[in-house]
Amino acid sequence: MNAERLPTIEITIPDIFKFTIPEEQATDKDIEEYFKRVKRIIESDKGFLKAMAISNPSSIEYLEDLVEEQQNIIKTKEKEIQQLNNKIELLTNETLTQNAAYQSLENKISTQSNLYQKIKSENENLSSNLLEKMTTFQKTESQLQGEIGQLKNERKLLLITLSLLFTFTILVIYFL
């Protein structure tokens, strides 16, 4: 029936419509009275049967169009998903590249930081040594300045002594 696009309806038959006489014992009169009773019930105000349409031939075209539309939406969404997956792959590769570059920079920073600390330590040691040597130099210079002062004084005394000696020698020679 579905191939011919005829509607399919399912009807629930209440117990009131059941034929209670077994078929082999029923007479034509019993069957005729049964049909009259069913007709009377159905034609009365309360004589309706509970039924449900299982298929509706007028909705098949609509459903086919709806299925086609949904399939097109699915194809579009699949393409979008593929594009998003491609973007995710591209961004993942870019992220991995950036992470590698970041790690390389971190290593360089660490190396340079260690080198800086080493140079700073060496500089502090050299500064300390230079300060010690400058202090020693200043002490030595101060001592040498003192010694130079003494030597100048001794020189003056020596010159004076030599002058006096020379003068005395000349006087001795002159008076002799």
Protein backbone atom coordinates (compact mmCIF):
# COMPACT_ATOMS: atom_id res chain seq x y z
CA MET A 1 0.00 0.00 0.00
CA ASN A 2 2.89 2.38 0.73
CA ALA A 3 4.23 1.86 -2.79
CA GLU A 4 0.85 3.05 -4.10
CA ARG A 5 0.98 5.94 -1.61
CA LEU A 6 -2.34 4.94 0.00
CA PRO A 7 -2.91 5.98 3.60
CA THR A 8 -2.54 3.32 6.25
CA ILE A 9 -4.86 3.63 9.23
CA GLU A 10 -4.75 1.55 12.39
CA ILE A 11 -8.13 1.13 14.13
CA THR A 12 -8.55 -0.11 17.68
CA ILE A 13 -11.70 -2.25 17.98
CA PRO A 14 -13.28 -2.05 21.45
CA ASP A 15 -14.64 -5.20 23.11
CA ILE A 16 -18.21 -4.01 22.46
CA PHE A 17 -17.74 -4.80 18.75
CA LYS A 18 -16.51 -8.36 19.29
CA PHE A 19 -18.62 -11.21 17.98
CA THR A 20 -19.07 -13.40 21.05
CA ILE A 21 -20.73 -16.41 19.41
CA PRO A 22 -18.28 -18.97 18.01
CA GLU A 23 -18.47 -19.08 14.19
CA GLU A 24 -19.50 -22.73 13.97
CA GLN A 25 -22.48 -22.12 16.25
CA ALA A 26 -23.57 -18.75 14.78
CA THR A 27 -26.62 -18.59 12.60
CA ASP A 28 -27.36 -16.15 9.81
CA LYS A 29 -29.80 -14.40 12.14
CA ASP A 30 -27.05 -14.05 14.82
CA ILE A 31 -24.71 -12.56 12.24
CA GLU A 32 -27.45 -10.21 10.93
CA GLU A 33 -28.26 -8.99 14.48
CA TYR A 34 -24.52 -8.45 15.12
CA PHE A 35 -24.21 -6.24 12.01
CA LYS A 36 -27.32 -4.24 13.01
CA ARG A 37 -25.94 -3.73 16.53
CA VAL A 38 -22.54 -2.53 15.18
CA LYS A 39 -24.31 -0.21 12.73
CA ARG A 40 -26.51 1.25 15.48
CA ILE A 41 -23.47 1.88 17.74
CA ILE A 42 -21.41 3.47 14.98
CA GLU A 43 -24.27 5.69 13.80
CA SER A 44 -25.02 6.93 17.35
CA ASP A 45 -23.49 10.09 18.91
CA LYS A 46 -20.91 8.00 20.71
CA GLY A 47 -20.28 5.68 17.83
CA PHE A 48 -16.77 6.43 16.80
CA LEU A 49 -13.75 4.20 16.55
CA LYS A 50 -10.38 5.17 17.86
CA ALA A 51 -8.01 5.25 14.90
CA MET A 52 -4.55 6.52 14.08
CA ALA A 53 -3.14 7.32 10.66
CA ILE A 54 0.13 5.43 10.31
CA SER A 55 0.96 7.07 7.01
CA ASN A 56 -0.35 10.03 5.13
CA PRO A 57 0.17 9.95 1.36
CA SER A 58 -0.03 13.74 1.17
CA SER A 59 2.96 14.06 3.51
CA ILE A 60 5.32 11.73 1.60
CA GLU A 61 6.36 14.43 -0.87
CA TYR A 62 6.81 16.87 1.99
CA LEU A 63 8.90 14.33 3.89
CA GLU A 64 10.95 13.52 0.79
CA ASP A 65 11.64 17.25 0.31
CA LEU A 66 12.44 17.57 3.99
CA VAL A 67 14.83 14.59 3.81
CA GLU A 68 16.54 16.07 0.76
CA GLU A 69 16.82 19.45 2.49
CA GLN A 70 18.25 17.80 5.61
CA GLN A 71 20.72 15.81 3.50
CA ASN A 72 21.89 19.06 1.85
CA ILE A 73 22.27 20.64 5.29
CA ILE A 74 24.27 17.60 6.43
CA LYS A 75 26.54 17.86 3.37
CA THR A 76 27.05 21.59 4.04
CA LYS A 77 27.79 20.92 7.71
CA GLU A 78 30.21 18.12 6.76
CA LYS A 79 32.07 20.57 4.50
CA GLU A 80 32.11 23.14 7.32
CA ILE A 81 33.41 20.49 9.71
CA GLN A 82 36.15 19.55 7.23
CA GLN A 83 37.10 23.22 6.85
CA LEU A 84 37.17 23.62 10.63
CA ASN A 85 39.26 20.46 10.97
CA ASN A 86 41.69 21.87 8.38
CA LYS A 87 41.85 25.14 10.33
CA ILE A 88 42.40 23.21 13.57
CA GLU A 89 45.23 21.25 11.94
CA LEU A 90 46.78 24.47 10.60
CA LEU A 91 46.47 26.20 13.97
CA THR A 92 47.85 23.13 15.73
CA ASN A 93 50.89 23.15 13.45
CA GLU A 94 51.34 26.89 13.98
CA THR A 95 51.03 26.38 17.74
CA LEU A 96 53.61 23.60 17.68
CA THR A 97 55.95 25.82 15.65
CA GLN A 98 55.42 28.72 18.03
CA ASN A 99 55.93 26.45 21.04
CA ALA A 100 59.23 25.23 19.56
CA ALA A 101 60.31 28.84 18.91
CA TYR A 102 59.22 29.80 22.42
CA GLN A 103 61.18 26.89 23.90
CA SER A 104 64.23 27.89 21.85
CA LEU A 105 63.93 31.47 23.14
CA GLU A 106 63.50 30.18 26.70
CA ASN A 107 66.71 28.15 26.29
CA LYS A 108 68.55 31.19 24.89
CA ILE A 109 67.27 33.37 27.73
CA SER A 110 68.36 30.74 30.25
CA THR A 111 71.80 30.48 28.63
CA GLN A 112 72.19 34.26 28.51
CA SER A 113 70.96 34.58 32.09
CA ASN A 114 73.54 32.04 33.23
CA LEU A 115 76.24 33.84 31.22
CA TYR A 116 75.13 37.17 32.71
CA GLN A 117 75.31 35.73 36.23
CA LYS A 118 78.79 34.33 35.51
CA ILE A 119 80.01 37.65 34.06
CA LYS A 120 78.41 39.54 36.94
CA SER A 121 80.13 37.26 39.46
CA GLU A 122 83.47 37.62 37.65
CA ASN A 123 82.96 41.39 37.48
CA GLU A 124 82.23 41.51 41.20
CA ASN A 125 85.39 39.47 41.88
CA LEU A 126 87.44 41.72 39.58
CA SER A 127 85.95 44.81 41.21
CA SER A 128 86.77 43.43 44.64
CA ASN A 129 90.35 42.60 43.53
CA LEU A 130 90.71 46.02 41.91
CA LEU A 131 89.44 47.70 45.06
CA GLU A 132 91.97 45.73 47.14
CA LYS A 133 94.76 46.63 44.72
CA MET A 134 93.69 50.28 44.65
CA THR A 135 93.67 50.33 48.44
CA THR A 136 97.12 48.70 48.47
CA PHE A 137 98.29 51.13 45.78
CA GLN A 138 96.98 54.10 47.73
CA LYS A 139 98.72 52.86 50.89
CA THR A 140 101.90 52.22 48.93
CA GLU A 141 101.60 55.60 47.22
CA SER A 142 101.06 57.27 50.57
CA GLN A 143 104.10 55.46 52.00
CA LEU A 144 106.14 56.37 48.92
CA GLN A 145 105.01 59.99 49.18
CA GLY A 146 106.17 59.92 52.77
CA GLU A 147 109.48 58.38 51.76
CA ILE A 148 109.84 60.88 48.89
CA GLY A 149 109.24 63.67 51.37
CA GLN A 150 111.92 62.24 53.65
CA LEU A 151 114.28 61.79 50.73
CA LYS A 152 113.70 65.40 49.66
CA ASN A 153 114.46 66.53 53.16
CA GLU A 154 117.52 64.32 53.26
CA ARG A 155 118.57 65.66 49.84
CA LYS A 156 118.18 69.21 51.05
CA LEU A 157 120.27 68.37 54.07
CA LEU A 158 122.78 66.61 51.87
CA LEU A 159 122.92 69.57 49.49
CA ILE A 160 123.32 71.87 52.41
CA THR A 161 125.99 69.59 53.79
CA LEU A 162 127.70 69.39 50.42
CA SER A 163 127.46 73.15 50.01
CA LEU A 164 128.95 73.65 53.38
CA LEU A 165 131.59 71.08 52.68
CA PHE A 166 132.34 72.66 49.33
CA THR A 167 132.44 76.08 50.90
CA PHE A 168 134.64 74.83 53.68
CA THR A 169 136.89 73.11 51.16
CA ILE A 170 137.19 76.28 49.14
CA LEU A 171 137.90 78.24 52.28
CA VAL A 172 140.50 75.73 53.34
CA ILE A 173 142.09 75.91 49.93
CA TYR A 174 141.90 79.64 49.89
CA PHE A 175 143.48 79.98 53.29
CA LEU A 176 146.10 77.56 52.78
